Amino acid sequence: TLFASWATRLQNIAQQHPRRVLAGVAVSLSLLG
């Protein structure tokens, strides 16, 4: 139930702020990969 709640919140954030999410993911991948 907790994971489902977090997934729902992340999906809402992604729909409201798609550019910010993309930038954050790009930075994370560049640092890790």
PDB file of all heavy atoms in Angstrom:
ATOM      1  N   THR A   1       0.835  -1.209   0.000  1.00  0.00           N
ATOM      2  CA  THR A   1       0.000   0.000   0.000  1.00  0.00           C
ATOM      3  C   THR A   1       0.869   1.257   0.000  1.00  0.00           C
ATOM      4  O   THR A   1       0.600   2.259  -0.681  1.00  0.00           O
ATOM      5  CB  THR A   1      -0.927   0.003   1.232  1.00  0.00           C
ATOM      6  OG1 THR A   1      -1.715  -1.165   1.213  1.00  0.00           O
ATOM      7  CG2 THR A   1      -1.830   1.246   1.211  1.00  0.00           C
ATOM      8  N   LEU A   2       1.979   1.208   0.792  1.00  0.00           N
ATOM      9  CA  LEU A   2       2.908   2.359   0.873  1.00  0.00           C
ATOM     10  C   LEU A   2       3.567   2.611  -0.471  1.00  0.00           C
ATOM     11  O   LEU A   2       3.645   3.751  -0.955  1.00  0.00           O
ATOM     12  CB  LEU A   2       3.957   2.088   1.952  1.00  0.00           C
ATOM     13  CG  LEU A   2       4.976   3.222   2.152  1.00  0.00           C
ATOM     14  CD1 LEU A   2       4.262   4.515   2.579  1.00  0.00           C
ATOM     15  CD2 LEU A   2       5.989   2.798   3.226  1.00  0.00           C
ATOM     16  N   PHE A   3       4.051   1.536  -1.130  1.00  0.00           N
ATOM     17  CA  PHE A   3       4.681   1.683  -2.454  1.00  0.00           C
ATOM     18  C   PHE A   3       3.693   2.220  -3.483  1.00  0.00           C
ATOM     19  O   PHE A   3       4.037   3.043  -4.335  1.00  0.00           O
ATOM     20  CB  PHE A   3       5.230   0.341  -2.938  1.00  0.00           C
ATOM     21  CG  PHE A   3       6.531  -0.008  -2.281  1.00  0.00           C
ATOM     22  CD1 PHE A   3       6.790  -1.312  -1.871  1.00  0.00           C
ATOM     23  CD2 PHE A   3       7.507   0.980  -2.085  1.00  0.00           C
ATOM     24  CE1 PHE A   3       7.987  -1.642  -1.263  1.00  0.00           C
ATOM     25  CE2 PHE A   3       8.710   0.642  -1.486  1.00  0.00           C
ATOM     26  CZ  PHE A   3       8.951  -0.676  -1.059  1.00  0.00           C
ATOM     27  N   ALA A   4       2.453   1.749  -3.393  1.00  0.00           N
ATOM     28  CA  ALA A   4       1.441   2.227  -4.323  1.00  0.00           C
ATOM     29  C   ALA A   4       1.167   3.703  -4.141  1.00  0.00           C
ATOM     30  O   ALA A   4       0.976   4.460  -5.102  1.00  0.00           O
ATOM     31  CB  ALA A   4       0.144   1.413  -4.126  1.00  0.00           C
ATOM     32  N   SER A   5       1.142   4.132  -2.845  1.00  0.00           N
ATOM     33  CA  SER A   5       0.925   5.556  -2.553  1.00  0.00           C
ATOM     34  C   SER A   5       2.047   6.412  -3.130  1.00  0.00           C
ATOM     35  O   SER A   5       1.827   7.446  -3.744  1.00  0.00           O
ATOM     36  CB  SER A   5       0.819   5.756  -1.035  1.00  0.00           C
ATOM     37  OG  SER A   5       0.713   7.134  -0.754  1.00  0.00           O
ATOM     38  N   TRP A   6       3.303   5.954  -2.927  1.00  0.00           N
ATOM     39  CA  TRP A   6       4.478   6.704  -3.465  1.00  0.00           C
ATOM     40  C   TRP A   6       4.457   6.721  -4.981  1.00  0.00           C
ATOM     41  O   TRP A   6       4.758   7.734  -5.622  1.00  0.00           O
ATOM     42  CB  TRP A   6       5.773   6.050  -2.983  1.00  0.00           C
ATOM     43  CG  TRP A   6       6.198   6.530  -1.616  1.00  0.00           C
ATOM     44  CD1 TRP A   6       6.102   5.857  -0.451  1.00  0.00           C
ATOM     45  CD2 TRP A   6       6.756   7.802  -1.305  1.00  0.00           C
ATOM     46  NE1 TRP A   6       6.576   6.596   0.597  1.00  0.00           N
ATOM     47  CE2 TRP A   6       6.998   7.838   0.073  1.00  0.00           C
ATOM     48  CE3 TRP A   6       7.063   8.928  -2.048  1.00  0.00           C
ATOM     49  CZ2 TRP A   6       7.539   8.923   0.708  1.00  0.00           C
ATOM     50  CZ3 TRP A   6       7.621  10.018  -1.389  1.00  0.00           C
ATOM     51  CH2 TRP A   6       7.857  10.016  -0.039  1.00  0.00           C
ATOM     52  N   ALA A   7       4.075   5.643  -5.592  1.00  0.00           N
ATOM     53  CA  ALA A   7       4.019   5.579  -7.059  1.00  0.00           C
ATOM     54  C   ALA A   7       2.989   6.553  -7.611  1.00  0.00           C
ATOM     55  O   ALA A   7       3.210   7.223  -8.624  1.00  0.00           O
ATOM     56  CB  ALA A   7       3.709   4.161  -7.501  1.00  0.00           C
ATOM     57  N   THR A   8       1.804   6.611  -6.916  1.00  0.00           N
ATOM     58  CA  THR A   8       0.765   7.541  -7.350  1.00  0.00           C
ATOM     59  C   THR A   8       1.242   8.992  -7.262  1.00  0.00           C
ATOM     60  O   THR A   8       1.021   9.811  -8.156  1.00  0.00           O
ATOM     61  CB  THR A   8      -0.496   7.337  -6.499  1.00  0.00           C
ATOM     62  OG1 THR A   8      -0.939   5.979  -6.639  1.00  0.00           O
ATOM     63  CG2 THR A   8      -1.621   8.291  -6.942  1.00  0.00           C
ATOM     64  N   ARG A   9       1.947   9.306  -6.155  1.00  0.00           N
ATOM     65  CA  ARG A   9       2.449  10.690  -5.969  1.00  0.00           C
ATOM     66  C   ARG A   9       3.492  11.042  -7.024  1.00  0.00           C
ATOM     67  O   ARG A   9       3.507  12.135  -7.579  1.00  0.00           O
ATOM     68  CB  ARG A   9       3.022  10.837  -4.558  1.00  0.00           C
ATOM     69  CG  ARG A   9       1.975  10.718  -3.460  1.00  0.00           C
ATOM     70  CD  ARG A   9       2.590  10.894  -2.084  1.00  0.00           C
ATOM     71  NE  ARG A   9       3.196  12.221  -1.952  1.00  0.00           N
ATOM     72  CZ  ARG A   9       3.839  12.606  -0.855  1.00  0.00           C
ATOM     73  NH1 ARG A   9       3.992  11.763   0.161  1.00  0.00           N
ATOM     74  NH2 ARG A   9       4.341  13.823  -0.801  1.00  0.00           N
ATOM     75  N   LEU A  10       4.368  10.099  -7.323  1.00  0.00           N
ATOM     76  CA  LEU A  10       5.397  10.365  -8.337  1.00  0.00           C
ATOM     77  C   LEU A  10       4.773  10.579  -9.713  1.00  0.00           C
ATOM     78  O   LEU A  10       5.220  11.420 -10.495  1.00  0.00           O
ATOM     79  CB  LEU A  10       6.379   9.186  -8.389  1.00  0.00           C
ATOM     80  CG  LEU A  10       7.369   9.097  -7.224  1.00  0.00           C
ATOM     81  CD1 LEU A  10       8.189   7.803  -7.331  1.00  0.00           C
ATOM     82  CD2 LEU A  10       8.294  10.307  -7.211  1.00  0.00           C
ATOM     83  N   GLN A  11       3.724   9.795 -10.009  1.00  0.00           N
ATOM     84  CA  GLN A  11       3.078   9.944 -11.304  1.00  0.00           C
ATOM     85  C   GLN A  11       2.412  11.309 -11.421  1.00  0.00           C
ATOM     86  O   GLN A  11       2.469  11.962 -12.456  1.00  0.00           O
ATOM     87  CB  GLN A  11       2.024   8.835 -11.494  1.00  0.00           C
ATOM     88  CG  GLN A  11       1.401   8.848 -12.889  1.00  0.00           C
ATOM     89  CD  GLN A  11       0.443   7.698 -13.096  1.00  0.00           C
ATOM     90  OE1 GLN A  11       0.181   6.939 -12.150  1.00  0.00           O
ATOM     91  NE2 GLN A  11      -0.052   7.553 -14.305  1.00  0.00           N
ATOM     92  N   ASN A  12       1.765  11.787 -10.283  1.00  0.00           N
ATOM     93  CA  ASN A  12       1.147  13.112 -10.300  1.00  0.00           C
ATOM     94  C   ASN A  12       2.185  14.214 -10.508  1.00  0.00           C
ATOM     95  O   ASN A  12       1.970  15.176 -11.246  1.00  0.00           O
ATOM     96  CB  ASN A  12       0.377  13.352  -8.993  1.00  0.00           C
ATOM     97  CG  ASN A  12      -0.839  12.434  -8.882  1.00  0.00           C
ATOM     98  OD1 ASN A  12      -1.395  11.981  -9.904  1.00  0.00           O
ATOM     99  ND2 ASN A  12      -1.271  12.160  -7.655  1.00  0.00           N
ATOM    100  N   ILE A  13       3.336  14.079  -9.820  1.00  0.00           N
ATOM    101  CA  ILE A  13       4.411  15.079  -9.960  1.00  0.00           C
ATOM    102  C   ILE A  13       4.940  15.095 -11.381  1.00  0.00           C
ATOM    103  O   ILE A  13       5.181  16.145 -11.979  1.00  0.00           O
ATOM    104  CB  ILE A  13       5.544  14.778  -8.965  1.00  0.00           C
ATOM    105  CG1 ILE A  13       5.058  15.016  -7.534  1.00  0.00           C
ATOM    106  CG2 ILE A  13       6.758  15.647  -9.258  1.00  0.00           C
ATOM    107  CD1 ILE A  13       6.065  14.584  -6.475  1.00  0.00           C
ATOM    108  N   ALA A  14       5.090  13.899 -11.970  1.00  0.00           N
ATOM    109  CA  ALA A  14       5.610  13.803 -13.337  1.00  0.00           C
ATOM    110  C   ALA A  14       4.668  14.453 -14.329  1.00  0.00           C
ATOM    111  O   ALA A  14       5.084  15.084 -15.295  1.00  0.00           O
ATOM    112  CB  ALA A  14       5.853  12.342 -13.705  1.00  0.00           C
ATOM    113  N   GLN A  15       3.344  14.279 -14.083  1.00  0.00           N
ATOM    114  CA  GLN A  15       2.386  14.873 -15.006  1.00  0.00           C
ATOM    115  C   GLN A  15       2.339  16.395 -14.872  1.00  0.00           C
ATOM    116  O   GLN A  15       2.156  17.112 -15.844  1.00  0.00           O
ATOM    117  CB  GLN A  15       0.996  14.276 -14.755  1.00  0.00           C
ATOM    118  CG  GLN A  15       0.882  12.807 -15.154  1.00  0.00           C
ATOM    119  CD  GLN A  15      -0.459  12.203 -14.796  1.00  0.00           C
ATOM    120  OE1 GLN A  15      -1.247  12.829 -14.076  1.00  0.00           O
ATOM    121  NE2 GLN A  15      -0.731  10.991 -15.274  1.00  0.00           N
ATOM    122  N   GLN A  16       2.524  16.904 -13.630  1.00  0.00           N
ATOM    123  CA  GLN A  16       2.469  18.348 -13.400  1.00  0.00           C
ATOM    124  C   GLN A  16       3.759  19.053 -13.792  1.00  0.00           C
ATOM    125  O   GLN A  16       3.751  20.175 -14.268  1.00  0.00           O
ATOM    126  CB  GLN A  16       2.143  18.633 -11.921  1.00  0.00           C
ATOM    127  CG  GLN A  16       0.754  18.163 -11.511  1.00  0.00           C
ATOM    128  CD  GLN A  16       0.521  18.350 -10.024  1.00  0.00           C
ATOM    129  OE1 GLN A  16       1.349  18.958  -9.346  1.00  0.00           O
ATOM    130  NE2 GLN A  16      -0.610  17.846  -9.521  1.00  0.00           N
ATOM    131  N   HIS A  17       4.913  18.406 -13.580  1.00  0.00           N
ATOM    132  CA  HIS A  17       6.216  19.037 -13.837  1.00  0.00           C
ATOM    133  C   HIS A  17       7.084  18.092 -14.655  1.00  0.00           C
ATOM    134  O   HIS A  17       8.092  17.558 -14.159  1.00  0.00           O
ATOM    135  CB  HIS A  17       6.914  19.392 -12.510  1.00  0.00           C
ATOM    136  CG  HIS A  17       6.070  20.201 -11.584  1.00  0.00           C
ATOM    137  ND1 HIS A  17       5.807  21.548 -11.768  1.00  0.00           N
ATOM    138  CD2 HIS A  17       5.387  19.820 -10.443  1.00  0.00           C
ATOM    139  CE1 HIS A  17       5.052  21.991 -10.778  1.00  0.00           C
ATOM    140  NE2 HIS A  17       4.768  20.962  -9.956  1.00  0.00           N
ATOM    141  N   PRO A  18       6.739  17.793 -15.884  1.00  0.00           N
ATOM    142  CA  PRO A  18       7.501  16.809 -16.661  1.00  0.00           C
ATOM    143  C   PRO A  18       8.940  17.235 -16.931  1.00  0.00           C
ATOM    144  O   PRO A  18       9.856  16.439 -16.931  1.00  0.00           O
ATOM    145  CB  PRO A  18       6.697  16.717 -17.957  1.00  0.00           C
ATOM    146  CG  PRO A  18       5.942  18.012 -18.058  1.00  0.00           C
ATOM    147  CD  PRO A  18       5.626  18.400 -16.643  1.00  0.00           C
ATOM    148  N   ARG A  19       9.207  18.552 -17.193  1.00  0.00           N
ATOM    149  CA  ARG A  19      10.563  19.012 -17.514  1.00  0.00           C
ATOM    150  C   ARG A  19      11.509  18.894 -16.313  1.00  0.00           C
ATOM    151  O   ARG A  19      12.667  18.509 -16.439  1.00  0.00           O
ATOM    152  CB  ARG A  19      10.518  20.450 -18.003  1.00  0.00           C
ATOM    153  CG  ARG A  19       9.816  20.601 -19.356  1.00  0.00           C
ATOM    154  CD  ARG A  19       9.889  22.015 -19.857  1.00  0.00           C
ATOM    155  NE  ARG A  19       9.219  22.166 -21.131  1.00  0.00           N
ATOM    156  CZ  ARG A  19       9.138  23.321 -21.805  1.00  0.00           C
ATOM    157  NH1 ARG A  19       9.682  24.410 -21.280  1.00  0.00           N
ATOM    158  NH2 ARG A  19       8.506  23.370 -22.968  1.00  0.00           N
ATOM    159  N   ARG A  20      11.018  19.251 -15.151  1.00  0.00           N
ATOM    160  CA  ARG A  20      11.863  19.154 -13.949  1.00  0.00           C
ATOM    161  C   ARG A  20      12.232  17.710 -13.666  1.00  0.00           C
ATOM    162  O   ARG A  20      13.362  17.406 -13.282  1.00  0.00           O
ATOM    163  CB  ARG A  20      11.140  19.764 -12.758  1.00  0.00           C
ATOM    164  CG  ARG A  20      10.943  21.273 -12.882  1.00  0.00           C
ATOM    165  CD  ARG A  20      10.312  21.835 -11.616  1.00  0.00           C
ATOM    166  NE  ARG A  20      10.056  23.261 -11.742  1.00  0.00           N
ATOM    167  CZ  ARG A  20       9.532  24.005 -10.766  1.00  0.00           C
ATOM    168  NH1 ARG A  20       9.203  23.421  -9.599  1.00  0.00           N
ATOM    169  NH2 ARG A  20       9.330  25.292 -10.958  1.00  0.00           N
ATOM    170  N   VAL A  21      11.241  16.792 -13.850  1.00  0.00           N
ATOM    171  CA  VAL A  21      11.505  15.371 -13.591  1.00  0.00           C
ATOM    172  C   VAL A  21      12.531  14.851 -14.570  1.00  0.00           C
ATOM    173  O   VAL A  21      13.463  14.120 -14.228  1.00  0.00           O
ATOM    174  CB  VAL A  21      10.196  14.561 -13.657  1.00  0.00           C
ATOM    175  CG1 VAL A  21      10.500  13.073 -13.572  1.00  0.00           C
ATOM    176  CG2 VAL A  21       9.275  14.990 -12.538  1.00  0.00           C
ATOM    177  N   LEU A  22      12.408  15.237 -15.847  1.00  0.00           N
ATOM    178  CA  LEU A  22      13.368  14.798 -16.863  1.00  0.00           C
ATOM    179  C   LEU A  22      14.769  15.275 -16.533  1.00  0.00           C
ATOM    180  O   LEU A  22      15.751  14.556 -16.650  1.00  0.00           O
ATOM    181  CB  LEU A  22      12.948  15.329 -18.240  1.00  0.00           C
ATOM    182  CG  LEU A  22      11.784  14.594 -18.914  1.00  0.00           C
ATOM    183  CD1 LEU A  22      11.381  15.326 -20.176  1.00  0.00           C
ATOM    184  CD2 LEU A  22      12.175  13.163 -19.214  1.00  0.00           C
ATOM    185  N   ALA A  23      14.882  16.550 -16.126  1.00  0.00           N
ATOM    186  CA  ALA A  23      16.207  17.081 -15.783  1.00  0.00           C
ATOM    187  C   ALA A  23      16.802  16.352 -14.600  1.00  0.00           C
ATOM    188  O   ALA A  23      17.987  16.013 -14.581  1.00  0.00           O
ATOM    189  CB  ALA A  23      16.092  18.582 -15.487  1.00  0.00           C
ATOM    190  N   GLY A  24      15.996  16.089 -13.584  1.00  0.00           N
ATOM    191  CA  GLY A  24      16.509  15.384 -12.423  1.00  0.00           C
ATOM    192  C   GLY A  24      16.968  13.986 -12.757  1.00  0.00           C
ATOM    193  O   GLY A  24      17.995  13.521 -12.294  1.00  0.00           O
ATOM    194  N   VAL A  25      16.190  13.287 -13.589  1.00  0.00           N
ATOM    195  CA  VAL A  25      16.578  11.931 -13.979  1.00  0.00           C
ATOM    196  C   VAL A  25      17.856  11.961 -14.788  1.00  0.00           C
ATOM    197  O   VAL A  25      18.745  11.137 -14.614  1.00  0.00           O
ATOM    198  CB  VAL A  25      15.430  11.259 -14.777  1.00  0.00           C
ATOM    199  CG1 VAL A  25      15.893   9.928 -15.349  1.00  0.00           C
ATOM    200  CG2 VAL A  25      14.209  11.072 -13.896  1.00  0.00           C
ATOM    201  N   ALA A  26      17.990  12.944 -15.674  1.00  0.00           N
ATOM    202  CA  ALA A  26      19.207  13.040 -16.508  1.00  0.00           C
ATOM    203  C   ALA A  26      20.433  13.244 -15.649  1.00  0.00           C
ATOM    204  O   ALA A  26      21.475  12.618 -15.853  1.00  0.00           O
ATOM    205  CB  ALA A  26      19.052  14.184 -17.514  1.00  0.00           C
ATOM    206  N   VAL A  27      20.327  14.168 -14.679  1.00  0.00           N
ATOM    207  CA  VAL A  27      21.479  14.406 -13.793  1.00  0.00           C
ATOM    208  C   VAL A  27      21.828  13.164 -13.015  1.00  0.00           C
ATOM    209  O   VAL A  27      22.992  12.778 -12.864  1.00  0.00           O
ATOM    210  CB  VAL A  27      21.187  15.588 -12.859  1.00  0.00           C
ATOM    211  CG1 VAL A  27      22.270  15.717 -11.813  1.00  0.00           C
ATOM    212  CG2 VAL A  27      21.062  16.883 -13.667  1.00  0.00           C
ATOM    213  N   SER A  28      20.816  12.473 -12.489  1.00  0.00           N
ATOM    214  CA  SER A  28      21.070  11.263 -11.699  1.00  0.00           C
ATOM    215  C   SER A  28      21.763  10.216 -12.532  1.00  0.00           C
ATOM    216  O   SER A  28      22.717   9.568 -12.087  1.00  0.00           O
ATOM    217  CB  SER A  28      19.749  10.712 -11.145  1.00  0.00           C
ATOM    218  OG  SER A  28      19.129  11.679 -10.332  1.00  0.00           O
ATOM    219  N   LEU A  29      21.301  10.022 -13.772  1.00  0.00           N
ATOM    220  CA  LEU A  29      21.928   9.021 -14.624  1.00  0.00           C
ATOM    221  C   LEU A  29      23.354   9.388 -14.974  1.00  0.00           C
ATOM    222  O   LEU A  29      24.233   8.532 -15.051  1.00  0.00           O
ATOM    223  CB  LEU A  29      21.101   8.846 -15.899  1.00  0.00           C
ATOM    224  CG  LEU A  29      19.746   8.136 -15.736  1.00  0.00           C
ATOM    225  CD1 LEU A  29      18.966   8.151 -17.035  1.00  0.00           C
ATOM    226  CD2 LEU A  29      19.949   6.698 -15.237  1.00  0.00           C
ATOM    227  N   SER A  30      23.585  10.701 -15.224  1.00  0.00           N
ATOM    228  CA  SER A  30      24.956  11.104 -15.567  1.00  0.00           C
ATOM    229  C   SER A  30      25.896  10.889 -14.406  1.00  0.00           C
ATOM    230  O   SER A  30      27.068  10.568 -14.584  1.00  0.00           O
ATOM    231  CB  SER A  30      24.980  12.580 -15.992  1.00  0.00           C
ATOM    232  OG  SER A  30      24.605  13.398 -14.899  1.00  0.00           O
ATOM    233  N   LEU A  31      25.419  11.098 -13.171  1.00  0.00           N
ATOM    234  CA  LEU A  31      26.266  10.878 -12.004  1.00  0.00           C
ATOM    235  C   LEU A  31      26.515   9.414 -11.750  1.00  0.00           C
ATOM    236  O   LEU A  31      27.613   9.005 -11.368  1.00  0.00           O
ATOM    237  CB  LEU A  31      25.637  11.536 -10.774  1.00  0.00           C
ATOM    238  CG  LEU A  31      25.555  13.080 -10.810  1.00  0.00           C
ATOM    239  CD1 LEU A  31      24.817  13.588  -9.584  1.00  0.00           C
ATOM    240  CD2 LEU A  31      26.959  13.666 -10.861  1.00  0.00           C
ATOM    241  N   LEU A  32      25.501   8.586 -11.937  1.00  0.00           N
ATOM    242  CA  LEU A  32      25.629   7.166 -11.600  1.00  0.00           C
ATOM    243  C   LEU A  32      26.270   6.382 -12.728  1.00  0.00           C
ATOM    244  O   LEU A  32      27.156   5.560 -12.510  1.00  0.00           O
ATOM    245  CB  LEU A  32      24.238   6.594 -11.280  1.00  0.00           C
ATOM    246  CG  LEU A  32      23.541   7.158 -10.024  1.00  0.00           C
ATOM    247  CD1 LEU A  32      22.138   6.613  -9.910  1.00  0.00           C
ATOM    248  CD2 LEU A  32      24.369   6.814  -8.785  1.00  0.00           C
ATOM    249  N   GLY A  33      25.901   6.678 -13.952  1.00  0.00           N
ATOM    250  CA  GLY A  33      26.405   5.880 -15.076  1.00  0.00           C
ATOM    251  C   GLY A  33      27.720   6.371 -15.597  1.00  0.00           C
ATOM    252  O   GLY A  33      28.574   5.593 -15.961  1.00  0.00           O
TER     253      GLY A  33
END
